[in-house]
Amino acid sequence: MNDDPDESAVRPGEVAVALPSSTDAGVYFIGTIRTPWRVREECPKRGEPDGPVCSIVVDERWREALTDIARHRRVQVLYWMHHARRDLVLQTPFRTGQTTGTFALRSPVRPNPVASSVVDLLAVEGTTLRVRGLDCLDGTPLIDLKPERTHP
């Protein structure tokens, strides 16, 4: 969660709840995402296929899990929005000014800040994937990679 006082402020109409005292499951971060964006205001709302080339750096222990990933043109990237607050159930986005339930929004603010992007896979260099189409901060923890489902 971001400790910036402006980020913790609740906007008119928003509602925050107390978070549970413990988590239900563990997550292994399998790598780190490198992007040009250092602060949330710089991030695009959605990644673009013609956006900047970004790097997904997979930890060495998972090297063999990348076997054959280069055969796929597009990959789904699951990542953890580590700076997002997690306690809002109602949010008032600046864009609309309309108070809406968290689960009806694509906001990074959610109980489990998991994000998903389908990106174009440009290259695999060892344990680093070069991709286009991401929309997250530099240093974002990587949760998982999956090839885009192709239909016969």
N, C-alpha and C. Protein backbone atom coordinates (compact mmCIF):
# COMPACT_ATOMS: atom_id res chain seq x y z
N MET A 1 0.85 -1.17 0.00
CA MET A 1 0.00 0.00 0.00
C MET A 1 0.89 1.23 0.00
N ASN A 2 0.49 2.26 -0.69
CA ASN A 2 1.24 3.48 -0.77
C ASN A 2 1.04 4.28 0.50
N ASP A 3 2.12 4.80 1.08
CA ASP A 3 2.03 5.56 2.31
C ASP A 3 1.87 7.05 2.06
N ASP A 4 1.77 7.47 0.81
CA ASP A 4 1.56 8.86 0.45
C ASP A 4 0.22 9.32 1.04
N PRO A 5 0.21 10.41 1.85
CA PRO A 5 -1.04 10.83 2.48
C PRO A 5 -2.14 11.15 1.47
N ASP A 6 -1.78 11.68 0.30
CA ASP A 6 -2.80 11.97 -0.71
C ASP A 6 -3.42 10.68 -1.24
N GLU A 7 -2.64 9.61 -1.32
CA GLU A 7 -3.14 8.33 -1.81
C GLU A 7 -4.07 7.67 -0.80
N SER A 8 -3.91 7.96 0.49
CA SER A 8 -4.74 7.32 1.50
C SER A 8 -6.03 8.10 1.76
N ALA A 9 -6.15 9.29 1.21
CA ALA A 9 -7.36 10.07 1.40
C ALA A 9 -8.54 9.39 0.71
N VAL A 10 -9.68 9.46 1.37
CA VAL A 10 -10.90 8.91 0.79
C VAL A 10 -11.67 10.06 0.15
N ARG A 11 -12.02 9.91 -1.12
CA ARG A 11 -12.76 10.94 -1.84
C ARG A 11 -14.24 10.90 -1.43
N PRO A 12 -14.96 11.97 -1.68
CA PRO A 12 -16.39 11.97 -1.35
C PRO A 12 -17.10 10.78 -2.00
N GLY A 13 -17.90 10.06 -1.21
CA GLY A 13 -18.64 8.90 -1.70
C GLY A 13 -17.91 7.59 -1.54
N GLU A 14 -16.59 7.65 -1.32
CA GLU A 14 -15.82 6.42 -1.18
C GLU A 14 -15.98 5.83 0.21
N VAL A 15 -15.84 4.51 0.29
CA VAL A 15 -15.94 3.80 1.56
C VAL A 15 -14.77 2.84 1.68
N ALA A 16 -14.08 2.90 2.82
CA ALA A 16 -12.99 1.98 3.11
C ALA A 16 -13.44 1.03 4.22
N VAL A 17 -12.91 -0.19 4.20
CA VAL A 17 -13.22 -1.18 5.23
C VAL A 17 -11.93 -1.65 5.89
N ALA A 18 -12.06 -2.25 7.05
CA ALA A 18 -10.91 -2.85 7.72
C ALA A 18 -10.54 -4.12 6.96
N LEU A 19 -9.26 -4.30 6.71
CA LEU A 19 -8.79 -5.50 6.02
C LEU A 19 -8.74 -6.68 6.98
N PRO A 20 -8.88 -7.92 6.48
CA PRO A 20 -8.76 -9.09 7.35
C PRO A 20 -7.41 -9.10 8.06
N SER A 21 -7.35 -9.74 9.22
CA SER A 21 -6.12 -9.76 10.00
C SER A 21 -5.06 -10.68 9.43
N SER A 22 -5.45 -11.62 8.55
CA SER A 22 -4.47 -12.51 7.93
C SER A 22 -4.89 -12.83 6.50
N THR A 23 -3.94 -13.34 5.73
CA THR A 23 -4.24 -13.71 4.35
C THR A 23 -4.64 -15.18 4.29
N ASP A 24 -5.26 -15.57 3.18
CA ASP A 24 -5.72 -16.94 3.00
C ASP A 24 -4.77 -17.82 2.21
N ALA A 25 -3.87 -17.23 1.47
CA ALA A 25 -2.97 -18.02 0.62
C ALA A 25 -1.67 -17.26 0.42
N GLY A 26 -0.66 -17.99 0.02
CA GLY A 26 0.62 -17.36 -0.28
C GLY A 26 0.81 -17.23 -1.78
N VAL A 27 1.57 -16.24 -2.18
CA VAL A 27 1.88 -16.02 -3.59
C VAL A 27 3.40 -15.97 -3.71
N TYR A 28 3.94 -16.64 -4.71
CA TYR A 28 5.37 -16.54 -5.00
C TYR A 28 5.55 -15.53 -6.13
N PHE A 29 6.27 -14.48 -5.88
CA PHE A 29 6.63 -13.57 -6.96
C PHE A 29 7.74 -14.26 -7.74
N ILE A 30 7.55 -14.40 -9.05
CA ILE A 30 8.50 -15.17 -9.86
C ILE A 30 9.47 -14.28 -10.64
N GLY A 31 9.35 -12.99 -10.48
CA GLY A 31 10.24 -12.08 -11.18
C GLY A 31 9.79 -10.64 -10.98
N THR A 32 10.35 -9.77 -11.81
CA THR A 32 10.10 -8.34 -11.72
C THR A 32 9.86 -7.78 -13.11
N ILE A 33 8.95 -6.83 -13.20
CA ILE A 33 8.64 -6.18 -14.47
C ILE A 33 9.36 -4.84 -14.52
N ARG A 34 10.04 -4.60 -15.63
CA ARG A 34 10.76 -3.33 -15.84
C ARG A 34 10.03 -2.52 -16.90
N THR A 35 9.60 -1.33 -16.54
CA THR A 35 8.90 -0.43 -17.46
C THR A 35 9.49 0.97 -17.33
N PRO A 36 9.12 1.89 -18.22
CA PRO A 36 9.63 3.26 -18.10
C PRO A 36 8.88 4.10 -17.06
N TRP A 37 7.82 3.56 -16.45
CA TRP A 37 6.97 4.37 -15.58
C TRP A 37 7.35 4.23 -14.12
N ARG A 38 7.67 5.37 -13.48
CA ARG A 38 8.13 5.37 -12.09
C ARG A 38 7.02 5.73 -11.09
N VAL A 39 6.02 6.46 -11.54
CA VAL A 39 4.90 6.86 -10.68
C VAL A 39 3.59 6.57 -11.39
N ARG A 40 2.54 6.34 -10.60
CA ARG A 40 1.25 5.91 -11.14
C ARG A 40 0.69 6.88 -12.20
N GLU A 41 0.93 8.17 -12.01
CA GLU A 41 0.40 9.16 -12.95
C GLU A 41 1.00 8.99 -14.36
N GLU A 42 2.18 8.40 -14.46
CA GLU A 42 2.82 8.19 -15.77
C GLU A 42 2.28 6.96 -16.50
N CYS A 43 1.73 6.00 -15.76
CA CYS A 43 1.28 4.73 -16.35
C CYS A 43 0.08 4.93 -17.26
N PRO A 44 0.08 4.25 -18.39
CA PRO A 44 -1.13 4.28 -19.22
C PRO A 44 -2.24 3.50 -18.50
N LYS A 45 -3.48 3.82 -18.81
CA LYS A 45 -4.61 3.10 -18.20
C LYS A 45 -4.69 1.68 -18.71
N ARG A 46 -4.30 1.47 -19.95
CA ARG A 46 -4.23 0.13 -20.54
C ARG A 46 -2.99 0.11 -21.42
N GLY A 47 -2.34 -1.03 -21.46
CA GLY A 47 -1.16 -1.14 -22.31
C GLY A 47 -1.56 -1.13 -23.77
N GLU A 48 -0.70 -0.60 -24.59
CA GLU A 48 -0.96 -0.51 -26.03
C GLU A 48 0.04 -1.39 -26.79
N PRO A 49 -0.43 -2.06 -27.85
CA PRO A 49 0.48 -2.91 -28.62
C PRO A 49 1.63 -2.14 -29.27
N ASP A 50 1.48 -0.83 -29.43
CA ASP A 50 2.57 -0.02 -30.00
C ASP A 50 3.27 0.79 -28.91
N GLY A 51 3.04 0.42 -27.63
CA GLY A 51 3.69 1.09 -26.51
C GLY A 51 5.16 0.74 -26.44
N PRO A 52 5.84 1.24 -25.42
CA PRO A 52 7.28 0.98 -25.29
C PRO A 52 7.58 -0.49 -25.03
N VAL A 53 8.76 -0.90 -25.44
CA VAL A 53 9.23 -2.25 -25.13
C VAL A 53 9.57 -2.29 -23.64
N CYS A 54 9.01 -3.27 -22.95
CA CYS A 54 9.26 -3.47 -21.52
C CYS A 54 9.91 -4.83 -21.33
N SER A 55 10.47 -5.04 -20.16
CA SER A 55 11.13 -6.31 -19.87
C SER A 55 10.46 -7.00 -18.69
N ILE A 56 10.31 -8.29 -18.83
CA ILE A 56 9.85 -9.14 -17.73
C ILE A 56 11.06 -10.00 -17.36
N VAL A 57 11.58 -9.78 -16.17
CA VAL A 57 12.78 -10.49 -15.73
C VAL A 57 12.35 -11.59 -14.77
N VAL A 58 12.43 -12.83 -15.23
CA VAL A 58 12.03 -13.98 -14.44
C VAL A 58 13.21 -14.44 -13.59
N ASP A 59 12.94 -14.75 -12.34
CA ASP A 59 14.02 -15.22 -11.45
C ASP A 59 14.64 -16.50 -12.02
N GLU A 60 15.92 -16.63 -11.82
CA GLU A 60 16.70 -17.76 -12.36
C GLU A 60 16.11 -19.12 -11.98
N ARG A 61 15.57 -19.26 -10.79
CA ARG A 61 15.03 -20.57 -10.37
C ARG A 61 13.91 -21.05 -11.29
N TRP A 62 13.26 -20.13 -12.03
CA TRP A 62 12.14 -20.48 -12.91
C TRP A 62 12.55 -20.58 -14.38
N ARG A 63 13.85 -20.57 -14.66
CA ARG A 63 14.35 -20.59 -16.04
C ARG A 63 13.72 -21.70 -16.87
N GLU A 64 13.70 -22.93 -16.35
CA GLU A 64 13.16 -24.06 -17.12
C GLU A 64 11.67 -23.90 -17.41
N ALA A 65 10.97 -23.16 -16.58
CA ALA A 65 9.53 -22.94 -16.81
C ALA A 65 9.29 -22.10 -18.07
N LEU A 66 10.33 -21.43 -18.56
CA LEU A 66 10.21 -20.63 -19.78
C LEU A 66 10.42 -21.46 -21.05
N THR A 67 10.71 -22.73 -20.91
CA THR A 67 10.94 -23.60 -22.07
C THR A 67 9.73 -23.51 -23.01
N ASP A 68 9.99 -23.20 -24.27
CA ASP A 68 9.01 -23.11 -25.36
C ASP A 68 8.11 -21.88 -25.31
N ILE A 69 8.30 -20.97 -24.36
CA ILE A 69 7.43 -19.80 -24.33
C ILE A 69 7.63 -18.95 -25.59
N ALA A 70 8.81 -18.99 -26.18
CA ALA A 70 9.08 -18.20 -27.38
C ALA A 70 8.23 -18.64 -28.57
N ARG A 71 7.61 -19.81 -28.49
CA ARG A 71 6.73 -20.27 -29.58
C ARG A 71 5.40 -19.52 -29.60
N HIS A 72 5.15 -18.74 -28.58
CA HIS A 72 3.88 -18.01 -28.48
C HIS A 72 4.08 -16.55 -28.83
N ARG A 73 3.16 -16.04 -29.60
CA ARG A 73 3.22 -14.64 -30.03
C ARG A 73 2.75 -13.69 -28.94
N ARG A 74 1.78 -14.14 -28.15
CA ARG A 74 1.21 -13.30 -27.09
C ARG A 74 1.17 -14.09 -25.78
N VAL A 75 1.38 -13.36 -24.69
CA VAL A 75 1.46 -13.97 -23.37
C VAL A 75 0.62 -13.15 -22.40
N GLN A 76 -0.12 -13.85 -21.54
CA GLN A 76 -0.84 -13.18 -20.46
C GLN A 76 0.12 -13.03 -19.28
N VAL A 77 0.21 -11.83 -18.76
CA VAL A 77 1.09 -11.51 -17.65
C VAL A 77 0.22 -11.18 -16.44
N LEU A 78 0.43 -11.90 -15.35
CA LEU A 78 -0.27 -11.62 -14.09
C LEU A 78 0.73 -10.97 -13.15
N TYR A 79 0.34 -9.85 -12.57
CA TYR A 79 1.27 -9.13 -11.71
C TYR A 79 0.55 -8.51 -10.53
N TRP A 80 1.33 -8.14 -9.51
CA TRP A 80 0.83 -7.64 -8.24
C TRP A 80 1.05 -6.14 -8.17
N MET A 81 -0.02 -5.38 -8.11
CA MET A 81 0.08 -3.91 -8.05
C MET A 81 0.42 -3.51 -6.62
N HIS A 82 1.70 -3.58 -6.32
CA HIS A 82 2.20 -3.47 -4.95
C HIS A 82 2.05 -2.10 -4.29
N HIS A 83 1.73 -1.07 -5.03
CA HIS A 83 1.52 0.25 -4.44
C HIS A 83 0.04 0.58 -4.27
N ALA A 84 -0.84 -0.29 -4.69
CA ALA A 84 -2.28 0.00 -4.63
C ALA A 84 -2.83 -0.22 -3.23
N ARG A 85 -3.71 0.66 -2.81
CA ARG A 85 -4.39 0.41 -1.54
C ARG A 85 -5.39 -0.71 -1.74
N ARG A 86 -5.84 -1.32 -0.66
CA ARG A 86 -6.63 -2.55 -0.78
C ARG A 86 -7.95 -2.49 -0.02
N ASP A 87 -8.28 -1.37 0.57
CA ASP A 87 -9.40 -1.32 1.50
C ASP A 87 -10.67 -0.64 1.00
N LEU A 88 -10.71 -0.13 -0.21
CA LEU A 88 -11.91 0.57 -0.68
C LEU A 88 -12.93 -0.39 -1.28
N VAL A 89 -14.18 -0.25 -0.87
CA VAL A 89 -15.27 -1.04 -1.46
C VAL A 89 -16.09 -0.17 -2.41
N LEU A 90 -16.12 1.12 -2.18
CA LEU A 90 -16.70 2.09 -3.11
C LEU A 90 -15.62 3.07 -3.49
N GLN A 91 -15.54 3.39 -4.78
CA GLN A 91 -14.52 4.31 -5.28
C GLN A 91 -15.17 5.38 -6.14
N THR A 92 -14.52 6.55 -6.18
CA THR A 92 -14.98 7.65 -7.02
C THR A 92 -13.85 8.02 -7.96
N PRO A 93 -13.80 7.40 -9.13
CA PRO A 93 -12.71 7.71 -10.08
C PRO A 93 -12.74 9.17 -10.52
N PHE A 94 -11.56 9.77 -10.65
CA PHE A 94 -11.46 11.15 -11.15
C PHE A 94 -12.11 11.28 -12.52
N ARG A 95 -11.93 10.25 -13.36
CA ARG A 95 -12.40 10.30 -14.75
C ARG A 95 -13.90 10.53 -14.84
N THR A 96 -14.68 9.85 -13.97
CA THR A 96 -16.14 9.95 -14.07
C THR A 96 -16.77 10.74 -12.93
N GLY A 97 -16.13 10.74 -11.77
CA GLY A 97 -16.71 11.38 -10.60
C GLY A 97 -17.90 10.60 -10.04
N GLN A 98 -18.16 9.42 -10.59
CA GLN A 98 -19.30 8.57 -10.21
C GLN A 98 -18.85 7.52 -9.21
N THR A 99 -19.47 7.48 -8.02
CA THR A 99 -19.11 6.47 -7.03
C THR A 99 -19.62 5.11 -7.48
N THR A 100 -18.70 4.13 -7.48
CA THR A 100 -18.97 2.80 -8.03
C THR A 100 -18.28 1.74 -7.17
N GLY A 101 -18.86 0.54 -7.13
CA GLY A 101 -18.26 -0.57 -6.39
C GLY A 101 -16.94 -1.00 -7.00
N THR A 102 -16.01 -1.37 -6.16
CA THR A 102 -14.68 -1.78 -6.59
C THR A 102 -14.72 -2.87 -7.65
N PHE A 103 -15.61 -3.86 -7.49
CA PHE A 103 -15.64 -4.98 -8.43
C PHE A 103 -16.28 -4.61 -9.77
N ALA A 104 -16.81 -3.40 -9.89
CA ALA A 104 -17.36 -2.92 -11.15
C ALA A 104 -16.37 -1.98 -11.86
N LEU A 105 -15.16 -1.89 -11.36
CA LEU A 105 -14.13 -1.01 -11.92
C LEU A 105 -12.88 -1.80 -12.28
N ARG A 106 -12.07 -1.22 -13.16
CA ARG A 106 -10.76 -1.80 -13.48
C ARG A 106 -9.65 -1.10 -12.69
N SER A 107 -10.00 -0.42 -11.66
CA SER A 107 -9.06 0.30 -10.81
C SER A 107 -8.03 -0.66 -10.19
N PRO A 108 -6.81 -0.19 -9.94
CA PRO A 108 -5.84 -1.02 -9.24
C PRO A 108 -6.18 -1.20 -7.76
N VAL A 109 -7.06 -0.36 -7.25
CA VAL A 109 -7.46 -0.44 -5.85
C VAL A 109 -8.48 -1.56 -5.69
N ARG A 110 -8.06 -2.65 -5.03
CA ARG A 110 -8.93 -3.82 -4.83
C ARG A 110 -8.37 -4.67 -3.70
N PRO A 111 -9.18 -5.57 -3.13
CA PRO A 111 -8.69 -6.37 -2.01
C PRO A 111 -7.41 -7.15 -2.33
N ASN A 112 -7.35 -7.71 -3.53
CA ASN A 112 -6.16 -8.41 -4.00
C ASN A 112 -5.73 -7.74 -5.30
N PRO A 113 -4.73 -6.87 -5.24
CA PRO A 113 -4.38 -6.07 -6.40
C PRO A 113 -3.63 -6.85 -7.49
N VAL A 114 -4.34 -7.83 -8.06
CA VAL A 114 -3.80 -8.64 -9.14
C VAL A 114 -4.22 -8.00 -10.45
N ALA A 115 -3.27 -7.84 -11.35
CA ALA A 115 -3.57 -7.29 -12.67
C ALA A 115 -3.18 -8.30 -13.73
N SER A 116 -3.79 -8.14 -14.89
CA SER A 116 -3.54 -9.04 -16.00
C SER A 116 -3.45 -8.23 -17.28
N SER A 117 -2.44 -8.49 -18.06
CA SER A 117 -2.30 -7.88 -19.38
C SER A 117 -1.91 -8.95 -20.38
N VAL A 118 -2.46 -8.89 -21.56
CA VAL A 118 -2.00 -9.76 -22.64
C VAL A 118 -1.07 -8.90 -23.49
N VAL A 119 0.17 -9.37 -23.62
CA VAL A 119 1.21 -8.59 -24.27
C VAL A 119 1.74 -9.32 -25.50
N ASP A 120 2.34 -8.55 -26.39
CA ASP A 120 3.04 -9.13 -27.54
C ASP A 120 4.43 -9.53 -27.08
N LEU A 121 4.78 -10.79 -27.30
CA LEU A 121 6.10 -11.30 -26.94
C LEU A 121 7.04 -11.05 -28.12
N LEU A 122 8.03 -10.19 -27.91
CA LEU A 122 8.96 -9.81 -28.98
C LEU A 122 10.21 -10.67 -28.99
N ALA A 123 10.71 -11.03 -27.81
CA ALA A 123 11.96 -11.79 -27.72
C ALA A 123 12.08 -12.43 -26.35
N VAL A 124 12.83 -13.51 -26.31
CA VAL A 124 13.20 -14.15 -25.05
C VAL A 124 14.72 -14.22 -25.04
N GLU A 125 15.32 -13.59 -24.04
CA GLU A 125 16.78 -13.54 -23.91
C GLU A 125 17.13 -14.09 -22.54
N GLY A 126 17.44 -15.38 -22.46
CA GLY A 126 17.70 -16.01 -21.17
C GLY A 126 16.41 -16.04 -20.35
N THR A 127 16.42 -15.35 -19.22
CA THR A 127 15.22 -15.29 -18.38
C THR A 127 14.51 -13.94 -18.50
N THR A 128 14.83 -13.20 -19.55
CA THR A 128 14.18 -11.90 -19.78
C THR A 128 13.31 -11.97 -21.03
N LEU A 129 12.06 -11.55 -20.87
CA LEU A 129 11.13 -11.47 -21.99
C LEU A 129 10.99 -10.01 -22.37
N ARG A 130 11.10 -9.70 -23.65
CA ARG A 130 10.85 -8.34 -24.16
C ARG A 130 9.43 -8.33 -24.71
N VAL A 131 8.63 -7.39 -24.22
CA VAL A 131 7.21 -7.36 -24.56
C VAL A 131 6.73 -5.95 -24.83
N ARG A 132 5.57 -5.86 -25.46
CA ARG A 132 4.84 -4.59 -25.63
C ARG A 132 3.43 -4.81 -25.12
N GLY A 133 2.88 -3.77 -24.47
CA GLY A 133 1.49 -3.82 -24.04
C GLY A 133 1.29 -3.78 -22.54
N LEU A 134 2.33 -3.49 -21.77
CA LEU A 134 2.17 -3.43 -20.32
C LEU A 134 1.71 -2.05 -19.86
N ASP A 135 1.22 -2.00 -18.64
CA ASP A 135 0.69 -0.76 -18.07
C ASP A 135 0.95 -0.67 -16.57
N CYS A 136 2.14 -1.09 -16.13
CA CYS A 136 2.41 -1.11 -14.69
C CYS A 136 3.70 -0.35 -14.37
N LEU A 137 3.87 -0.09 -13.09
CA LEU A 137 5.06 0.62 -12.63
C LEU A 137 6.33 -0.22 -12.75
N ASP A 138 7.44 0.45 -12.93
CA ASP A 138 8.73 -0.22 -12.93
C ASP A 138 8.93 -0.89 -11.57
N GLY A 139 9.39 -2.13 -11.58
CA GLY A 139 9.62 -2.86 -10.35
C GLY A 139 8.43 -3.66 -9.87
N THR A 140 7.36 -3.72 -10.66
CA THR A 140 6.16 -4.46 -10.26
C THR A 140 6.47 -5.95 -10.16
N PRO A 141 6.04 -6.61 -9.07
CA PRO A 141 6.27 -8.04 -8.91
C PRO A 141 5.44 -8.87 -9.90
N LEU A 142 6.10 -9.87 -10.48
CA LEU A 142 5.47 -10.78 -11.44
C LEU A 142 4.90 -11.98 -10.70
N ILE A 143 3.64 -12.33 -10.99
CA ILE A 143 3.00 -13.49 -10.37
C ILE A 143 3.05 -14.71 -11.28
N ASP A 144 2.74 -14.52 -12.58
CA ASP A 144 2.66 -15.69 -13.46
C ASP A 144 2.68 -15.24 -14.91
N LEU A 145 2.98 -16.19 -15.79
CA LEU A 145 2.94 -16.01 -17.25
C LEU A 145 2.17 -17.18 -17.83
N LYS A 146 1.31 -16.88 -18.80
CA LYS A 146 0.55 -17.93 -19.48
C LYS A 146 0.46 -17.57 -20.95
N PRO A 147 0.63 -18.54 -21.85
CA PRO A 147 0.45 -18.22 -23.26
C PRO A 147 -1.00 -17.83 -23.51
N GLU A 148 -1.20 -16.90 -24.45
CA GLU A 148 -2.57 -16.54 -24.80
C GLU A 148 -3.27 -17.76 -25.37
N ARG A 149 -4.46 -17.97 -24.98
CA ARG A 149 -5.23 -19.13 -25.49
C ARG A 149 -5.54 -18.91 -26.95
N THR A 150 -5.23 -19.90 -27.74
CA THR A 150 -5.52 -19.82 -29.15
C THR A 150 -6.65 -20.78 -29.45
N HIS A 151 -7.52 -20.36 -30.33
CA HIS A 151 -8.67 -21.19 -30.71
C HIS A 151 -8.36 -21.96 -32.00
N PRO A 152 -8.77 -23.20 -32.07
CA PRO A 152 -8.48 -24.00 -33.29
C PRO A 152 -9.18 -23.45 -34.50
